[in-house]
Amino acid sequence: MTAIPSFTGDANPYGGGDPYADYRTADFPFTQYADLADRHLGAGVIAADDEFFAQRENLLVPGRAEFDPEHFGHKGKIMDGWETRRRRGACADHPWPTTEDHDWALVRLGAPGVVRGIVVDTAHFRGNYPQAVSVEGTCVPGSPSPEELLGDDVKWTTLVPRTPVGGHAANGFAVAVEQRFTHLRVNQHPDGGIARLRVHGEVVPDPAWLEALGTFDVVALENGGQVEDASDLFYSPATNTIRPGRSRKMDDGWETRRRRDRGHDWIRYRLTAQSRIRALEIDTAYLKGNSAGWAAVSVRDGEDGEWREILPRTRLQPDTNHRFVLPAPAVGTHARVDIFPDGGISRLRLFGSLTETGARRLAARHQELGS
């Protein structure tokens, strides 16, 4: 088990220059997993008890928080995060908040799944961060309202117990709860500000929904696909290749550094479950002078299966969506795209349907995780 670095206490007051120069962070082992609270997946902060100084929606904004020391508004310093007002006690004899006082925000995950780790980022909140945070999760089908989620009949499971945190720091927490969650409740004790929230985990789709669709993208992140490994992550994460929608700019894909040898680059994926693939797309949108020159796609059935090429090495065009219909369906649980010699692709789509074995195993896992 890898120890998670812990940060507590105030950061130094901002002294000018690079606001991230004294930012406290670490490499958390769970960040290999996709962010289930990614706005691209449809995540949202649907309610909060207070957002007097800064809006709750800032929690899920892509990219790191920005800081402008001269930016003030009618309510005070404008912060790029979620910030509540200072809590007070009940009377002059006891002006301090109680130990139970806290603020909360409800987060709808963009893709339900198993949470492996959470980052509560307090960047630029140096003296106005919460003393402690806690995070709870629940699994509620459909599209519940905030009022329904806060009802007495909804069961919440603790993912992160009440834990002290530090200001101007990435506070990371490994999660070991083997359940499927659709919503989180983030609590800050007793008040303060959080810049960003990242929820890393594995997507677990609804088998009934996929059965109704019939044919779908069996490697898509939102359908439970996952990047297992890649040869090079120099410019951008390989998970970008299975995110929803087409790429909208160059860094919204996967691009490798320039090779100076005779090798090639690759990404290995795990599919939703065992699938029968009938067609595929390789998109190089916005990759113009740095698109991969050629690509090949292979699949294997099972962890120890042999790789079988389903698309031979094929010339790619820059900034183009390439479509291929397979001569015969290919059955597999994993896929690999090889690019030659280097460069990048923006998206990979593998269209097909689950086999009977794949559908049965996905339904069993869905049930085991409490859904």
Protein backbone atom coordinates (compact mmCIF):
# COMPACT_ATOMS: atom_id res chain seq x y z
CA MET A 1 0.00 0.00 0.00
CA THR A 2 1.50 3.33 -1.04
CA ALA A 3 1.43 5.96 1.69
CA ILE A 4 -0.56 9.08 0.80
CA PRO A 5 1.28 12.32 1.66
CA SER A 6 -0.70 14.53 4.05
CA PHE A 7 -0.70 18.32 4.18
CA THR A 8 -2.03 20.36 7.11
CA GLY A 9 -1.89 23.93 8.29
CA ASP A 10 -1.71 27.32 6.62
CA ALA A 11 0.45 28.03 3.62
CA ASN A 12 2.57 31.18 3.60
CA PRO A 13 0.77 34.37 2.53
CA TYR A 14 1.10 35.09 -1.17
CA GLY A 15 4.32 37.05 -1.66
CA GLY A 16 4.18 37.79 -5.37
CA GLY A 17 5.52 36.03 -8.43
CA ASP A 18 4.37 32.55 -9.43
CA PRO A 19 1.38 31.73 -7.19
CA TYR A 20 2.14 28.01 -7.52
CA ALA A 21 5.79 28.35 -6.46
CA ASP A 22 5.06 27.10 -2.91
CA TYR A 23 2.11 24.84 -3.78
CA ARG A 24 2.19 21.54 -1.91
CA THR A 25 1.45 18.44 -3.95
CA ALA A 26 2.51 14.83 -4.54
CA ASP A 27 2.17 11.97 -7.01
CA PHE A 28 -0.90 10.06 -5.91
CA PRO A 29 -1.03 6.40 -7.03
CA PHE A 30 -4.74 6.50 -7.96
CA THR A 31 -4.47 9.24 -10.59
CA GLN A 32 -3.93 6.52 -13.21
CA TYR A 33 -7.72 6.15 -13.15
CA ALA A 34 -10.08 8.44 -15.03
CA ASP A 35 -11.78 11.38 -13.29
CA LEU A 36 -15.39 10.29 -12.71
CA ALA A 37 -16.25 13.92 -11.92
CA ASP A 38 -15.06 15.18 -15.30
CA ARG A 39 -17.39 17.77 -16.84
CA HIS A 40 -16.81 16.12 -20.23
CA LEU A 41 -18.57 13.05 -18.85
CA GLY A 42 -21.51 15.11 -17.63
CA ALA A 43 -20.55 15.64 -13.98
CA GLY A 44 -21.95 18.61 -12.09
CA VAL A 45 -22.13 20.25 -8.68
CA ILE A 46 -25.90 20.26 -8.30
CA ALA A 47 -26.29 21.97 -4.91
CA ALA A 48 -24.45 23.53 -1.98
CA ASP A 49 -25.61 24.95 1.33
CA ASP A 50 -23.53 28.13 0.86
CA GLU A 51 -21.46 29.72 -1.92
CA PHE A 52 -21.25 33.29 -0.70
CA PHE A 53 -17.71 34.07 -1.89
CA ALA A 54 -17.20 31.66 -4.79
CA GLN A 55 -19.48 29.43 -6.83
CA ARG A 56 -19.74 25.69 -6.28
CA GLU A 57 -19.44 24.96 -10.03
CA ASN A 58 -15.76 26.00 -9.92
CA LEU A 59 -14.97 22.71 -8.18
CA LEU A 60 -15.13 20.75 -11.45
CA VAL A 61 -13.64 23.29 -13.86
CA PRO A 62 -10.96 21.57 -16.02
CA GLY A 63 -7.38 22.62 -15.38
CA ARG A 64 -5.79 24.01 -12.28
CA ALA A 65 -7.19 26.98 -10.38
CA GLU A 66 -6.06 30.47 -11.36
CA PHE A 67 -5.19 33.28 -8.97
CA ASP A 68 -5.38 37.04 -9.51
CA PRO A 69 -4.27 38.93 -6.36
CA GLU A 70 -5.98 42.13 -7.55
CA HIS A 71 -9.38 40.57 -8.36
CA PHE A 72 -11.98 41.75 -5.83
CA GLY A 73 -15.75 42.06 -6.04
CA HIS A 74 -18.59 43.44 -3.93
CA LYS A 75 -18.42 40.45 -1.57
CA GLY A 76 -14.64 40.37 -1.22
CA LYS A 77 -11.73 38.52 -2.83
CA ILE A 78 -12.84 36.56 -5.89
CA MET A 79 -11.46 33.03 -5.75
CA ASP A 80 -11.38 30.32 -8.41
CA GLY A 81 -13.06 27.65 -6.33
CA TRP A 82 -15.99 27.06 -3.97
CA GLU A 83 -15.87 29.29 -0.88
CA THR A 84 -18.42 29.75 1.89
CA ARG A 85 -18.79 32.55 4.41
CA ARG A 86 -17.29 32.35 7.91
CA ARG A 87 -19.45 30.39 10.32
CA ARG A 88 -20.33 31.93 13.69
CA GLY A 89 -21.60 30.59 17.00
CA ALA A 90 -25.06 31.00 18.44
CA CYS A 91 -24.37 33.89 20.83
CA ALA A 92 -21.78 36.34 22.15
CA ASP A 93 -20.88 33.96 24.98
CA HIS A 94 -20.03 31.26 22.41
CA PRO A 95 -19.07 32.97 19.12
CA TRP A 96 -17.35 29.90 17.68
CA PRO A 97 -18.97 27.28 15.43
CA THR A 98 -19.77 23.92 17.00
CA THR A 99 -17.81 20.78 16.22
CA GLU A 100 -20.71 19.57 14.06
CA ASP A 101 -21.02 22.72 11.92
CA HIS A 102 -19.99 22.22 8.29
CA ASP A 103 -20.77 23.22 4.71
CA TRP A 104 -21.60 20.74 1.96
CA ALA A 105 -21.84 20.36 -1.80
CA LEU A 106 -23.59 17.62 -3.79
CA VAL A 107 -21.68 16.28 -6.82
CA ARG A 108 -23.25 14.18 -9.57
CA LEU A 109 -20.59 11.94 -11.08
CA GLY A 110 -20.37 12.08 -14.85
CA ALA A 111 -19.98 8.31 -14.98
CA PRO A 112 -21.03 6.10 -12.05
CA GLY A 113 -18.34 3.79 -10.80
CA VAL A 114 -15.97 2.59 -8.10
CA VAL A 115 -13.96 5.43 -6.53
CA ARG A 116 -10.25 4.67 -6.06
CA GLY A 117 -9.05 8.05 -4.86
CA ILE A 118 -10.10 11.67 -4.29
CA VAL A 119 -8.13 14.90 -4.51
CA VAL A 120 -9.44 17.90 -2.56
CA ASP A 121 -7.35 20.76 -3.92
CA THR A 122 -7.10 23.96 -1.85
CA ALA A 123 -4.85 25.86 -4.28
CA HIS A 124 -4.64 29.58 -3.38
CA PHE A 125 -6.77 29.09 -0.26
CA ARG A 126 -3.92 29.84 2.11
CA GLY A 127 -5.70 31.04 5.24
CA ASN A 128 -9.32 30.44 4.24
CA TYR A 129 -9.31 26.69 3.57
CA PRO A 130 -11.41 24.26 5.67
CA GLN A 131 -9.94 22.81 8.85
CA ALA A 132 -10.99 19.33 7.73
CA VAL A 133 -12.95 17.61 4.95
CA SER A 134 -15.02 14.47 4.60
CA VAL A 135 -16.61 12.80 1.58
CA GLU A 136 -19.60 10.48 1.36
CA GLY A 137 -21.07 8.58 -1.58
CA THR A 138 -24.42 7.12 -2.58
CA CYS A 139 -25.90 5.21 -5.51
CA VAL A 140 -29.29 6.47 -6.66
CA PRO A 141 -30.66 5.52 -10.10
CA GLY A 142 -32.11 7.99 -12.56
CA SER A 143 -31.70 11.75 -12.18
CA PRO A 144 -32.56 12.55 -8.55
CA SER A 145 -33.03 16.15 -7.44
CA PRO A 146 -30.97 17.64 -4.59
CA GLU A 147 -34.04 17.37 -2.35
CA GLU A 148 -34.36 13.67 -3.11
CA LEU A 149 -30.67 13.06 -2.42
CA LEU A 150 -30.95 14.80 0.94
CA GLY A 151 -33.99 12.75 1.93
CA ASP A 152 -33.93 10.49 4.98
CA ASP A 153 -34.30 7.36 2.84
CA VAL A 154 -30.97 7.85 1.01
CA LYS A 155 -28.06 5.91 2.49
CA TRP A 156 -24.65 7.60 2.40
CA THR A 157 -21.38 5.69 2.71
CA THR A 158 -18.21 7.32 4.06
CA LEU A 159 -15.41 7.40 1.49
CA VAL A 160 -13.14 9.86 3.30
CA PRO A 161 -13.65 10.26 7.06
CA ARG A 162 -13.31 13.71 8.61
CA THR A 163 -9.61 14.46 8.05
CA PRO A 164 -7.50 17.60 8.59
CA VAL A 165 -6.25 19.25 5.39
CA GLY A 166 -3.76 21.93 4.45
CA GLY A 167 -4.10 25.21 2.64
CA HIS A 168 -2.70 25.76 -0.87
CA ALA A 169 -2.21 22.01 -1.29
CA ALA A 170 -3.42 18.95 -3.18
CA ASN A 171 -4.92 16.80 -0.44
CA GLY A 172 -5.17 13.23 -1.70
CA PHE A 173 -7.13 10.34 -0.20
CA ALA A 174 -7.06 6.70 -1.29
CA VAL A 175 -10.51 5.07 -1.15
CA ALA A 176 -10.99 1.35 -0.42
CA VAL A 177 -14.79 1.05 -0.64
CA GLU A 178 -15.75 -1.55 -3.25
CA GLN A 179 -19.14 -0.09 -4.22
CA ARG A 180 -20.62 1.71 -7.21
CA PHE A 181 -21.51 5.38 -6.62
CA THR A 182 -23.50 7.92 -8.62
CA HIS A 183 -23.27 10.97 -6.31
CA LEU A 184 -20.89 12.38 -3.69
CA ARG A 185 -21.41 14.75 -0.78
CA VAL A 186 -18.32 16.85 -0.05
CA ASN A 187 -18.20 18.37 3.43
CA GLN A 188 -15.86 21.07 4.67
CA HIS A 189 -15.54 21.54 8.43
CA PRO A 190 -16.53 24.10 9.58
CA ASP A 191 -16.30 26.38 6.50
CA GLY A 192 -13.80 27.74 3.99
CA GLY A 193 -12.81 27.16 0.38
CA ILE A 194 -11.86 24.34 -1.96
CA ALA A 195 -10.44 25.08 -5.42
CA ARG A 196 -10.90 21.78 -7.27
CA LEU A 197 -12.29 18.30 -6.72
CA ARG A 198 -11.04 15.25 -8.64
CA VAL A 199 -12.63 11.82 -8.23
CA HIS A 200 -10.51 9.04 -9.74
CA GLY A 201 -11.99 5.62 -10.31
CA GLU A 202 -13.31 2.93 -12.62
CA VAL A 203 -16.52 3.43 -14.60
CA VAL A 204 -19.17 0.76 -14.04
CA PRO A 205 -21.98 1.21 -16.61
CA ASP A 206 -25.59 0.12 -16.23
CA PRO A 207 -25.96 -3.26 -18.01
CA ALA A 208 -29.64 -2.64 -18.73
CA TRP A 209 -28.80 0.58 -20.58
CA LEU A 210 -26.12 -1.08 -22.70
CA GLU A 211 -28.46 -3.97 -23.49
CA ALA A 212 -31.08 -1.49 -24.67
CA LEU A 213 -28.53 0.25 -26.91
CA GLY A 214 -27.45 -3.02 -28.51
CA THR A 215 -24.54 -1.65 -30.53
CA PHE A 216 -22.32 0.93 -28.83
CA ASP A 217 -18.68 2.00 -28.42
CA VAL A 218 -17.23 -0.84 -26.32
CA VAL A 219 -14.02 1.04 -25.46
CA ALA A 220 -15.61 4.40 -24.55
CA LEU A 221 -14.84 5.68 -21.05
CA GLU A 222 -18.50 6.37 -20.30
CA ASN A 223 -19.34 2.74 -21.20
CA GLY A 224 -16.70 1.26 -18.90
CA GLY A 225 -13.68 1.17 -21.21
CA GLN A 226 -10.32 1.89 -19.64
CA VAL A 227 -6.74 2.65 -20.66
CA GLU A 228 -4.46 0.10 -19.02
CA ASP A 229 -1.09 1.33 -20.27
CA ALA A 230 0.63 3.37 -22.96
CA SER A 231 4.17 3.66 -24.31
CA ASP A 232 4.41 7.43 -23.95
CA LEU A 233 2.45 10.09 -22.02
CA PHE A 234 4.75 13.03 -22.62
CA TYR A 235 2.24 15.56 -23.98
CA SER A 236 -1.20 14.29 -22.98
CA PRO A 237 -2.96 11.38 -21.24
CA ALA A 238 -3.98 8.34 -23.29
CA THR A 239 -7.42 8.39 -21.62
CA ASN A 240 -8.26 11.36 -23.85
CA THR A 241 -8.68 8.91 -26.74
CA ILE A 242 -11.83 7.37 -25.20
CA ARG A 243 -13.49 10.52 -23.83
CA PRO A 244 -16.93 11.56 -25.12
CA GLY A 245 -17.29 13.62 -28.29
CA ARG A 246 -14.75 14.68 -30.87
CA SER A 247 -11.56 16.44 -29.89
CA ARG A 248 -11.88 20.25 -29.95
CA LYS A 249 -8.22 21.21 -29.75
CA MET A 250 -4.80 19.65 -30.15
CA ASP A 251 -4.23 18.74 -26.49
CA ASP A 252 -7.61 16.98 -26.26
CA GLY A 253 -6.09 13.82 -27.72
CA TRP A 254 -3.00 11.67 -27.23
CA GLU A 255 0.36 12.87 -28.55
CA THR A 256 3.79 11.33 -27.96
CA ARG A 257 7.24 12.88 -28.02
CA ARG A 258 9.28 12.62 -31.23
CA ARG A 259 11.00 9.27 -31.59
CA ARG A 260 14.65 9.09 -32.62
CA ASP A 261 14.80 5.29 -32.84
CA ARG A 262 13.19 2.51 -34.89
CA GLY A 263 10.41 1.80 -32.42
CA HIS A 264 6.73 2.82 -32.31
CA ASP A 265 4.13 3.93 -29.76
CA TRP A 266 0.98 2.20 -28.51
CA ILE A 267 -1.99 2.27 -26.12
CA ARG A 268 -3.56 -0.81 -24.50
CA TYR A 269 -7.24 -0.76 -23.50
CA ARG A 270 -9.63 -2.90 -21.48
CA LEU A 271 -13.10 -3.08 -23.04
CA THR A 272 -16.42 -2.77 -21.21
CA ALA A 273 -16.55 -6.59 -21.14
CA GLN A 274 -16.08 -9.33 -23.71
CA SER A 275 -17.40 -7.78 -26.92
CA ARG A 276 -18.01 -8.51 -30.57
CA ILE A 277 -16.48 -5.60 -32.57
CA ARG A 278 -17.85 -4.85 -36.05
CA ALA A 279 -16.45 -1.41 -36.97
CA LEU A 280 -13.95 1.14 -35.70
CA GLU A 281 -12.89 4.76 -36.01
CA ILE A 282 -9.47 6.36 -35.61
CA ASP A 283 -9.73 10.14 -35.43
CA THR A 284 -6.78 12.53 -35.78
CA ALA A 285 -8.81 15.74 -35.29
CA TYR A 286 -6.63 18.83 -34.71
CA LEU A 287 -3.44 16.78 -35.11
CA LYS A 288 -2.11 18.27 -38.33
CA GLY A 289 1.67 18.28 -38.34
CA ASN A 290 1.90 15.75 -35.50
CA SER A 291 -0.61 13.05 -36.49
CA ALA A 292 0.54 9.43 -36.40
CA GLY A 293 1.71 8.31 -39.84
CA TRP A 294 0.20 4.82 -39.71
CA ALA A 295 -1.90 2.84 -37.23
CA ALA A 296 -2.86 -0.78 -36.58
CA VAL A 297 -5.46 -2.20 -34.18
CA SER A 298 -5.39 -5.59 -32.43
CA VAL A 299 -7.62 -7.39 -29.93
CA ARG A 300 -7.17 -10.27 -27.53
CA ASP A 301 -9.67 -12.38 -25.58
CA GLY A 302 -8.76 -12.67 -21.90
CA GLU A 303 -5.73 -11.53 -19.93
CA ASP A 304 -3.55 -14.26 -21.42
CA GLY A 305 -5.03 -14.34 -24.91
CA GLU A 306 -2.94 -13.81 -28.02
CA TRP A 307 -3.13 -10.51 -29.88
CA ARG A 308 -4.92 -10.72 -33.24
CA GLU A 309 -4.68 -7.89 -35.73
CA ILE A 310 -8.10 -6.65 -36.89
CA LEU A 311 -6.82 -3.57 -38.74
CA PRO A 312 -3.46 -3.93 -40.49
CA ARG A 313 -1.01 -1.05 -40.53
CA THR A 314 -2.93 1.68 -42.37
CA ARG A 315 -1.92 5.17 -43.53
CA LEU A 316 -3.56 7.98 -41.53
CA GLN A 317 -4.35 11.48 -42.73
CA PRO A 318 -3.98 14.55 -40.50
CA ASP A 319 -7.09 16.09 -38.93
CA THR A 320 -9.33 13.30 -40.30
CA ASN A 321 -11.81 10.77 -38.92
CA HIS A 322 -11.00 7.36 -40.45
CA ARG A 323 -13.77 4.72 -40.51
CA PHE A 324 -13.32 0.98 -41.05
CA VAL A 325 -15.89 -1.82 -41.29
CA LEU A 326 -14.38 -5.18 -40.33
CA PRO A 327 -14.82 -8.07 -42.76
CA ALA A 328 -15.91 -10.26 -39.83
CA PRO A 329 -16.74 -9.46 -36.18
CA ALA A 330 -13.79 -9.68 -33.78
CA VAL A 331 -14.33 -11.00 -30.25
CA GLY A 332 -12.15 -9.72 -27.42
CA THR A 333 -11.82 -8.23 -23.95
CA HIS A 334 -8.82 -5.97 -24.68
CA ALA A 335 -7.65 -3.83 -27.58
CA ARG A 336 -4.39 -2.19 -28.61
CA VAL A 337 -3.71 0.60 -31.06
CA ASP A 338 -0.17 0.85 -32.42
CA ILE A 339 0.93 4.05 -34.14
CA PHE A 340 3.97 4.33 -36.42
CA PRO A 341 6.41 5.74 -35.74
CA ASP A 342 5.12 8.35 -33.27
CA GLY A 343 2.71 11.32 -33.15
CA GLY A 344 -0.83 11.00 -31.97
CA ILE A 345 -4.51 10.24 -32.41
CA SER A 346 -7.41 12.09 -30.83
CA ARG A 347 -10.04 9.33 -30.52
CA LEU A 348 -10.46 5.57 -30.90
CA ARG A 349 -13.98 4.12 -31.28
CA LEU A 350 -14.74 0.39 -31.34
CA PHE A 351 -18.38 -0.26 -32.26
CA GLY A 352 -19.98 -3.54 -31.35
CA SER A 353 -22.02 -5.32 -28.69
CA LEU A 354 -21.41 -7.49 -25.64
CA THR A 355 -21.25 -11.24 -26.05
CA GLU A 356 -23.50 -13.36 -23.82
CA THR A 357 -20.50 -14.04 -21.60
CA GLY A 358 -19.57 -10.36 -21.45
CA ALA A 359 -23.12 -9.26 -20.61
CA ARG A 360 -23.41 -11.90 -17.88
CA ARG A 361 -20.11 -10.89 -16.23
CA LEU A 362 -20.91 -7.19 -16.38
CA ALA A 363 -24.33 -7.78 -14.78
CA ALA A 364 -22.73 -9.87 -12.03
CA ARG A 365 -20.18 -7.16 -11.20
CA HIS A 366 -22.89 -4.50 -11.25
CA GLN A 367 -24.84 -6.50 -8.70
CA GLU A 368 -21.78 -7.24 -6.53
CA LEU A 369 -21.09 -3.50 -6.26
CA GLY A 370 -24.49 -2.89 -4.72
CA SER A 371 -26.33 -1.43 -7.70
